[in-house]
Amino acid sequence: MKAFFVYFHLYFDRKFMNNAFITAITINEVRNIRELKIPLSSSERKHLILTGKNGSGKTSVLEGLRDSLQRLFGLHVASKHNIEVALADDEVNSLLNEGKFVSAFFDSKRQSKFNKPEGIKKVQLKTNYHLTEKIANQFIQYIVNLKADRSFAKDENETEVVKEVDRWFLHFEKSLTELFGVPNLILSFDRKNYNFNIIEIGKEPYSLNDLSDGYSAVLSIVTELLLRMDSSGSKNYDVQGIVLIDEIETHLHIELQKKILPFLTSFFPKIQFIVTTHSPFVLSSIENAVVCDLEKKIVTDDLSGYSYDTLIESYFEADKYSTVLKNKMQEYEQLMAKESLQDSEKLQLEELKKYIEDVPKFLADELAVKIQQIQLKKLNNKKNQ
């Protein structure tokens, strides 16, 4: 079997002990890829979205990165890939062993299936997991235990513990509400059956095991990372790490494809996500990401102005432009409509013009027409004054 190589550079901030992320990747001998360099950022945590037609090497590259990371972290794994690591750092291993750094790999066949607890039973969590290990099936047991801990802490007047558990559930419930896109969602504890139900207005209660394939796929990622983070004693979702997800849009409807990366990057602000996708809705969903088309070997920094296919818009009633670009264009139109601008507004307008100039080429002509319409409207308003 022909070997292929994936090199990556890992940045580690020794001063603050809280910044470890991949800054660049070089891919060689993967399918028809020869010496493809993907620069991310040496100063901030940038996410990476790999795209391209089937057969372009997306999954192979992701698996190569998975094996490289496991070797970097000192985990001896059997691999069909010959992977070389360009830069390793013992400090990262130290963080990993202390549970202060998480890493995980999710293949495209993911779905949450939680074990149903029969009582209060301690969940044994390690501080260091292989990327491919899975512990999310213990999630319901974990949150049942949290409720029990809260009850015991309340009896013993440990108010800080009670507040911490309450904050955890409030944040998790709020995140589910955002993900599901429904108001007033409640995660209700069924203490008689040691289980949890989701309650929505106008619907029958349902369990976490009754979710649709799409929400189940998302929850499989979220719950896995939550349990890995808890091994460090953190309940703030702010442990740093690197997470690889293959075909992130699997099972997701259009609106959820647009929401998945913003949701994950907001929920886990110190995680660097590297994902593969076919979906234009994923490609355009966040600003802080580099997009690499492995088929065309093109690397683009920020596709938040991506134009969705008109047919997709008509069939699925999806917005044509990303939320980011729509907001920018709305700001531009509002400023252009003003008779006079303050200095801060003039600066804002110049920044918007620069942003618009840098949108991807395939969107430029389409956007130019909209800009001309705005400018013409301004001229007509002046003539009529």
Protein backbone atom coordinates (compact mmCIF):
# COMPACT_ATOMS: atom_id res chain seq x y z
CA MET A 1 0.00 0.00 0.00
CA LYS A 2 1.31 3.43 -0.94
CA ALA A 3 2.05 5.57 2.08
CA PHE A 4 0.85 9.12 2.41
CA PHE A 5 1.93 11.89 4.68
CA VAL A 6 0.11 14.53 6.69
CA TYR A 7 2.34 17.01 8.48
CA PHE A 8 0.99 19.58 10.91
CA HIS A 9 2.42 22.28 13.13
CA LEU A 10 1.10 22.58 16.66
CA TYR A 11 1.34 25.91 18.47
CA PHE A 12 1.63 26.01 22.25
CA ASP A 13 1.64 29.17 24.37
CA ARG A 14 3.89 28.37 27.35
CA LYS A 15 3.28 31.75 28.97
CA PHE A 16 -0.44 31.27 29.48
CA MET A 17 -0.64 27.45 29.36
CA ASN A 18 -3.99 27.73 27.61
CA ASN A 19 -3.34 27.93 23.88
CA ALA A 20 -2.64 24.77 21.92
CA PHE A 21 -3.89 24.49 18.37
CA ILE A 22 -2.84 23.43 14.87
CA THR A 23 -1.40 26.32 12.86
CA ALA A 24 -0.68 24.64 9.51
CA ILE A 25 -1.12 21.33 7.71
CA THR A 26 0.82 19.91 4.76
CA ILE A 27 -0.70 16.99 2.85
CA ASN A 28 1.32 14.83 0.47
CA GLU A 29 0.51 11.65 -1.49
CA VAL A 30 -3.17 11.48 -0.54
CA ARG A 31 -5.05 10.35 -3.63
CA ASN A 32 -3.91 12.95 -6.18
CA ILE A 33 -2.81 15.54 -3.63
CA ARG A 34 0.85 16.56 -3.82
CA GLU A 35 2.34 19.00 -1.31
CA LEU A 36 -0.86 20.86 -0.47
CA LYS A 37 -0.17 23.38 2.29
CA ILE A 38 -3.06 24.65 4.40
CA PRO A 39 -2.04 27.64 6.54
CA LEU A 40 -4.40 28.34 9.42
CA SER A 41 -3.13 30.93 11.90
CA SER A 42 -0.14 31.19 14.20
CA SER A 43 -1.79 33.75 16.47
CA GLU A 44 -5.36 32.49 16.98
CA ARG A 45 -7.37 29.28 16.99
CA LYS A 46 -8.76 28.84 13.45
CA HIS A 47 -11.13 26.05 12.48
CA LEU A 48 -10.66 24.06 9.27
CA ILE A 49 -13.37 22.87 6.87
CA LEU A 50 -12.31 20.28 4.29
CA THR A 51 -14.54 19.94 1.24
CA GLY A 52 -14.48 18.38 -2.23
CA LYS A 53 -16.22 15.70 -4.24
CA ASN A 54 -16.33 12.08 -3.12
CA GLY A 55 -12.92 10.52 -3.72
CA SER A 56 -11.03 13.78 -3.19
CA GLY A 57 -9.50 12.46 0.04
CA LYS A 58 -11.48 14.25 2.76
CA THR A 59 -11.93 11.24 5.04
CA SER A 60 -8.40 9.97 4.34
CA VAL A 61 -6.89 13.31 5.38
CA LEU A 62 -9.03 13.41 8.53
CA GLU A 63 -8.04 9.85 9.45
CA GLY A 64 -4.40 10.77 8.85
CA LEU A 65 -4.73 13.70 11.24
CA ARG A 66 -6.42 11.42 13.77
CA ASP A 67 -3.53 8.96 13.68
CA SER A 68 -0.96 11.78 13.82
CA LEU A 69 -2.58 13.30 16.89
CA GLN A 70 -2.75 9.94 18.67
CA ARG A 71 0.96 9.41 18.04
CA LEU A 72 1.71 12.95 19.17
CA PHE A 73 -0.18 12.27 22.39
CA GLY A 74 1.87 9.13 23.00
CA LEU A 75 -0.90 6.68 22.15
CA HIS A 76 0.36 3.67 20.23
CA VAL A 77 -2.15 2.95 17.50
CA ALA A 78 -2.18 0.59 14.55
CA SER A 79 -2.48 2.68 11.40
CA LYS A 80 -2.69 2.01 7.69
CA HIS A 81 -1.23 5.47 7.16
CA ASN A 82 2.42 6.44 7.43
CA ILE A 83 2.05 9.74 9.25
CA GLU A 84 4.81 12.12 10.21
CA VAL A 85 4.38 14.87 12.80
CA ALA A 86 6.24 18.05 11.97
CA LEU A 87 6.21 19.45 15.48
CA ALA A 88 5.41 17.83 18.81
CA ASP A 89 5.38 19.39 22.25
CA ASP A 90 5.71 17.61 25.59
CA GLU A 91 3.72 20.43 27.21
CA VAL A 92 0.61 19.30 25.32
CA ASN A 93 1.04 15.77 26.65
CA SER A 94 1.21 17.22 30.14
CA LEU A 95 -2.08 19.08 29.62
CA LEU A 96 -3.66 15.95 28.16
CA ASN A 97 -2.62 13.80 31.12
CA GLU A 98 -4.04 16.39 33.53
CA GLY A 99 -7.38 16.41 31.70
CA LYS A 100 -6.85 20.01 30.57
CA PHE A 101 -6.85 19.19 26.87
CA VAL A 102 -9.40 17.07 25.01
CA SER A 103 -9.18 15.44 21.62
CA ALA A 104 -11.79 13.39 19.80
CA PHE A 105 -12.58 11.88 16.40
CA PHE A 106 -16.15 11.42 15.17
CA ASP A 107 -16.78 9.37 12.05
CA SER A 108 -19.82 9.88 9.82
CA LYS A 109 -21.81 7.06 11.46
CA ARG A 110 -22.66 8.75 14.74
CA GLN A 111 -25.79 8.72 16.81
CA SER A 112 -26.43 9.10 20.51
CA LYS A 113 -27.75 6.06 22.34
CA PHE A 114 -27.65 6.53 26.08
CA ASN A 115 -27.72 3.78 28.68
CA LYS A 116 -30.70 4.11 31.00
CA PRO A 117 -29.61 4.32 34.64
CA GLU A 118 -31.13 2.07 37.28
CA GLY A 119 -30.03 4.24 40.16
CA ILE A 120 -27.19 6.44 41.32
CA LYS A 121 -23.93 4.92 40.18
CA LYS A 122 -20.56 6.63 39.85
CA VAL A 123 -19.39 7.24 36.28
CA GLN A 124 -15.71 6.32 36.05
CA LEU A 125 -14.04 8.99 33.93
CA LYS A 126 -10.38 8.98 32.87
CA THR A 127 -8.25 12.07 32.33
CA ASN A 128 -6.91 10.85 29.00
CA TYR A 129 -8.95 9.23 26.23
CA HIS A 130 -7.99 7.93 22.81
CA LEU A 131 -9.51 10.06 20.07
CA THR A 132 -11.79 7.22 18.98
CA GLU A 133 -12.97 6.09 22.43
CA LYS A 134 -16.63 6.71 23.20
CA ILE A 135 -18.12 7.38 26.63
CA ALA A 136 -21.24 9.42 25.73
CA ASN A 137 -23.55 6.44 26.37
CA GLN A 138 -23.07 7.19 30.10
CA PHE A 139 -24.36 10.76 29.77
CA ILE A 140 -27.80 10.23 31.36
CA GLN A 141 -26.15 8.44 34.29
CA TYR A 142 -23.81 11.42 34.58
CA ILE A 143 -26.60 14.02 34.78
CA VAL A 144 -28.66 11.82 37.13
CA ASN A 145 -25.62 11.84 39.41
CA LEU A 146 -25.41 15.63 39.11
CA LYS A 147 -28.98 15.92 40.35
CA ALA A 148 -28.15 13.59 43.25
CA ASP A 149 -25.02 15.61 44.09
CA ARG A 150 -27.13 18.77 44.14
CA SER A 151 -29.63 17.18 46.52
CA PHE A 152 -26.91 16.00 48.91
CA ALA A 153 -25.14 19.37 48.73
CA LYS A 154 -28.38 21.19 49.53
CA ASP A 155 -28.94 18.97 52.59
CA GLU A 156 -25.41 19.79 53.77
CA ASN A 157 -25.76 23.55 53.03
CA GLU A 158 -23.03 23.47 50.38
CA THR A 159 -24.51 26.40 48.47
CA GLU A 160 -21.63 26.78 45.99
CA VAL A 161 -22.03 23.19 44.81
CA VAL A 162 -25.78 23.73 44.41
CA LYS A 163 -25.18 26.91 42.39
CA GLU A 164 -22.57 25.23 40.18
CA VAL A 165 -24.91 22.35 39.31
CA ASP A 166 -27.78 24.77 38.69
CA ARG A 167 -25.58 26.83 36.35
CA TRP A 168 -24.57 23.68 34.49
CA PHE A 169 -28.17 22.61 33.86
CA LEU A 170 -29.25 26.15 32.98
CA HIS A 171 -26.50 26.44 30.38
CA PHE A 172 -27.20 22.99 28.95
CA GLU A 173 -30.96 23.63 28.80
CA LYS A 174 -30.39 27.02 27.15
CA SER A 175 -28.09 25.41 24.58
CA LEU A 176 -30.70 22.74 23.77
CA THR A 177 -33.29 25.50 23.33
CA GLU A 178 -30.98 27.26 20.86
CA LEU A 179 -30.18 24.04 19.02
CA PHE A 180 -33.79 22.89 18.72
CA GLY A 181 -34.99 26.38 17.82
CA VAL A 182 -37.96 26.21 20.19
CA PRO A 183 -38.84 28.57 23.05
CA ASN A 184 -39.21 27.49 26.66
CA LEU A 185 -37.68 24.03 26.30
CA ILE A 186 -37.33 22.24 29.64
CA LEU A 187 -35.06 19.32 30.56
CA SER A 188 -37.17 17.60 33.20
CA PHE A 189 -35.77 15.11 35.73
CA ASP A 190 -37.87 11.98 36.26
CA ARG A 191 -36.49 10.98 39.66
CA LYS A 192 -38.67 7.86 39.97
CA ASN A 193 -37.25 6.35 36.78
CA TYR A 194 -33.78 7.93 36.95
CA ASN A 195 -34.27 9.53 33.56
CA PHE A 196 -34.66 12.89 31.83
CA ASN A 197 -37.37 14.08 29.46
CA ILE A 198 -37.47 17.03 27.10
CA ILE A 199 -40.63 19.09 27.41
CA GLU A 200 -41.82 21.42 24.63
CA ILE A 201 -45.06 23.38 24.67
CA GLY A 202 -47.78 21.52 22.80
CA LYS A 203 -45.85 18.24 22.59
CA GLU A 204 -45.71 15.03 24.57
CA PRO A 205 -42.54 14.69 26.69
CA TYR A 206 -39.82 12.64 25.04
CA SER A 207 -36.48 11.24 26.17
CA LEU A 208 -32.96 11.95 24.93
CA ASN A 209 -33.06 8.55 23.22
CA ASP A 210 -36.11 9.56 21.17
CA LEU A 211 -34.44 12.38 19.23
CA SER A 212 -34.45 12.53 15.44
CA ASP A 213 -31.30 11.31 13.68
CA GLY A 214 -30.09 14.89 13.16
CA TYR A 215 -30.38 16.06 16.76
CA SER A 216 -29.11 12.69 17.95
CA ALA A 217 -25.98 13.11 15.78
CA VAL A 218 -25.31 16.57 17.24
CA LEU A 219 -25.94 15.43 20.80
CA SER A 220 -23.52 12.52 20.36
CA ILE A 221 -20.75 15.09 19.82
CA VAL A 222 -21.82 17.47 22.59
CA THR A 223 -22.26 14.81 25.28
CA GLU A 224 -18.99 13.08 24.39
CA LEU A 225 -17.04 16.31 24.80
CA LEU A 226 -18.87 17.27 27.99
CA LEU A 227 -17.91 14.00 29.68
CA ARG A 228 -14.29 14.28 28.53
CA MET A 229 -14.11 17.82 29.90
CA ASP A 230 -15.57 16.77 33.24
CA SER A 231 -12.61 14.45 33.80
CA SER A 232 -10.62 17.63 34.55
CA GLY A 233 -13.26 18.78 37.03
CA SER A 234 -14.39 21.56 34.69
CA LYS A 235 -18.09 22.21 34.23
CA ASN A 236 -17.56 25.42 32.25
CA TYR A 237 -17.18 23.89 28.77
CA ASP A 238 -13.96 25.88 28.34
CA VAL A 239 -11.32 23.12 28.20
CA GLN A 240 -9.17 23.48 25.09
CA GLY A 241 -8.64 20.77 22.52
CA ILE A 242 -8.79 19.55 18.93
CA VAL A 243 -11.86 17.73 17.57
CA LEU A 244 -12.17 16.02 14.17
CA ILE A 245 -15.62 15.39 12.64
CA ASP A 246 -16.21 13.54 9.37
CA GLU A 247 -19.20 14.65 7.26
CA ILE A 248 -20.50 17.03 9.90
CA GLU A 249 -23.75 17.55 7.98
CA THR A 250 -24.76 13.85 8.25
CA HIS A 251 -28.49 13.50 9.14
CA LEU A 252 -28.88 17.29 9.47
CA HIS A 253 -31.65 19.24 7.74
CA ILE A 254 -30.78 22.53 6.02
CA GLU A 255 -31.32 24.87 8.97
CA LEU A 256 -29.35 22.59 11.29
CA GLN A 257 -26.48 22.45 8.76
CA LYS A 258 -26.30 26.24 8.97
CA LYS A 259 -26.38 26.11 12.77
CA ILE A 260 -24.10 23.19 13.67
CA LEU A 261 -20.65 24.85 13.53
CA PRO A 262 -21.73 28.16 15.12
CA PHE A 263 -23.39 26.10 17.86
CA LEU A 264 -20.37 23.89 18.55
CA THR A 265 -17.81 26.72 18.44
CA SER A 266 -19.96 28.80 20.79
CA PHE A 267 -20.63 25.90 23.17
CA PHE A 268 -16.93 24.91 23.24
CA PRO A 269 -15.01 28.19 22.69
CA LYS A 270 -11.53 26.70 23.19
CA ILE A 271 -11.94 23.71 20.89
CA GLN A 272 -10.40 23.78 17.40
CA PHE A 273 -12.74 21.94 15.04
CA ILE A 274 -11.51 20.27 11.86
CA VAL A 275 -14.41 18.91 9.81
CA THR A 276 -15.27 17.54 6.39
CA THR A 277 -18.45 18.44 4.51
CA HIS A 278 -20.28 18.57 1.18
CA SER A 279 -22.69 21.22 2.43
CA PRO A 280 -22.55 24.88 1.27
CA PHE A 281 -24.54 25.72 4.39
CA VAL A 282 -21.71 24.47 6.60
CA LEU A 283 -19.05 26.20 4.47
CA SER A 284 -20.62 29.62 4.95
CA SER A 285 -21.71 29.26 8.56
CA ILE A 286 -18.76 30.78 10.47
CA GLU A 287 -16.16 33.48 9.87
CA ASN A 288 -13.29 32.09 11.93
CA ALA A 289 -12.52 29.17 9.63
CA VAL A 290 -10.28 28.24 6.71
CA VAL A 291 -11.96 26.30 3.90
CA CYS A 292 -9.92 23.90 1.78
CA ASP A 293 -11.32 22.35 -1.41
CA LEU A 294 -9.22 19.17 -1.70
CA GLU A 295 -10.42 18.48 -5.23
CA LYS A 296 -9.47 21.91 -6.62
CA LYS A 297 -6.65 22.39 -4.10
CA ILE A 298 -7.90 25.86 -3.21
CA VAL A 299 -7.57 27.30 0.29
CA THR A 300 -9.90 30.16 1.22
CA ASP A 301 -9.86 32.19 4.41
CA ASP A 302 -13.52 32.78 5.39
CA LEU A 303 -16.44 31.77 3.18
CA SER A 304 -19.08 33.46 5.30
CA GLY A 305 -20.25 35.24 2.13
CA TYR A 306 -20.93 31.99 0.29
CA SER A 307 -23.84 32.10 -2.19
CA TYR A 308 -26.17 29.12 -1.90
CA ASP A 309 -27.39 27.38 -5.01
CA THR A 310 -30.63 28.98 -6.23
CA LEU A 311 -32.28 25.58 -6.59
CA ILE A 312 -31.55 24.77 -2.96
CA GLU A 313 -33.10 28.11 -2.04
CA SER A 314 -36.30 27.39 -3.97
CA TYR A 315 -36.69 23.77 -2.84
CA PHE A 316 -35.87 24.24 0.83
CA GLU A 317 -36.83 27.90 1.34
CA ALA A 318 -33.33 28.60 2.63
CA ASP A 319 -31.86 32.10 2.64
CA LYS A 320 -29.58 32.71 -0.33
CA TYR A 321 -26.89 34.55 1.59
CA SER A 322 -25.28 33.71 4.89
CA THR A 323 -26.38 35.61 7.99
CA VAL A 324 -22.98 37.30 8.23
CA LEU A 325 -23.11 38.71 4.71
CA LYS A 326 -26.76 39.74 5.01
CA ASN A 327 -25.96 41.72 8.16
CA LYS A 328 -22.99 43.40 6.46
CA MET A 329 -25.10 44.35 3.44
CA GLN A 330 -27.86 45.68 5.68
CA GLU A 331 -25.35 47.86 7.54
CA TYR A 332 -23.92 49.07 4.21
CA GLU A 333 -27.37 49.97 2.86
CA GLN A 334 -28.33 51.82 6.05
CA LEU A 335 -25.14 53.89 6.02
CA MET A 336 -25.45 54.66 2.32
CA ALA A 337 -29.01 55.89 2.90
CA LYS A 338 -27.87 58.55 5.37
CA GLU A 339 -27.43 62.15 4.20
CA SER A 340 -24.40 62.68 6.42
CA LEU A 341 -22.15 60.40 8.43
CA GLN A 342 -20.30 60.79 11.70
CA ASP A 343 -16.58 59.97 11.73
CA SER A 344 -17.19 56.56 13.31
CA GLU A 345 -19.81 55.78 10.65
CA LYS A 346 -17.44 56.81 7.86
CA LEU A 347 -14.86 54.40 9.24
CA GLN A 348 -17.51 51.67 9.51
CA LEU A 349 -18.53 52.26 5.87
CA GLU A 350 -14.92 51.97 4.69
CA GLU A 351 -14.51 48.70 6.59
CA LEU A 352 -17.71 47.37 5.03
CA LYS A 353 -16.48 48.30 1.55
CA LYS A 354 -13.24 46.41 2.17
CA TYR A 355 -15.20 43.40 3.43
CA ILE A 356 -17.42 43.42 0.34
CA GLU A 357 -14.39 43.70 -1.96
CA ASP A 358 -12.95 40.52 -0.43
CA VAL A 359 -15.96 38.24 -0.89
CA PRO A 360 -15.31 35.10 -2.97
CA LYS A 361 -15.09 35.57 -6.74
CA PHE A 362 -18.13 33.39 -7.43
CA LEU A 363 -20.23 35.83 -5.40
CA ALA A 364 -18.68 39.09 -6.63
CA ASP A 365 -20.76 39.63 -9.80
CA GLU A 366 -23.99 38.81 -7.99
CA LEU A 367 -23.15 41.13 -5.13
CA ALA A 368 -22.04 43.94 -7.46
CA VAL A 369 -25.58 44.21 -8.84
CA LYS A 370 -26.96 44.65 -5.31
CA ILE A 371 -24.36 47.33 -4.53
CA GLN A 372 -25.14 49.20 -7.75
CA GLN A 373 -28.82 49.18 -6.79
CA ILE A 374 -27.97 50.72 -3.41
CA GLN A 375 -25.73 53.36 -4.99
CA LEU A 376 -28.33 54.21 -7.64
CA LYS A 377 -30.96 54.60 -4.94
CA LYS A 378 -28.69 57.05 -3.12
CA LEU A 379 -28.14 59.10 -6.30
CA ASN A 380 -31.88 59.22 -7.00
CA ASN A 381 -32.54 60.40 -3.45
CA LYS A 382 -30.03 63.24 -3.92
CA LYS A 383 -31.66 64.31 -7.21
CA ASN A 384 -35.08 64.41 -5.59
CA GLN A 385 -33.97 66.57 -2.68
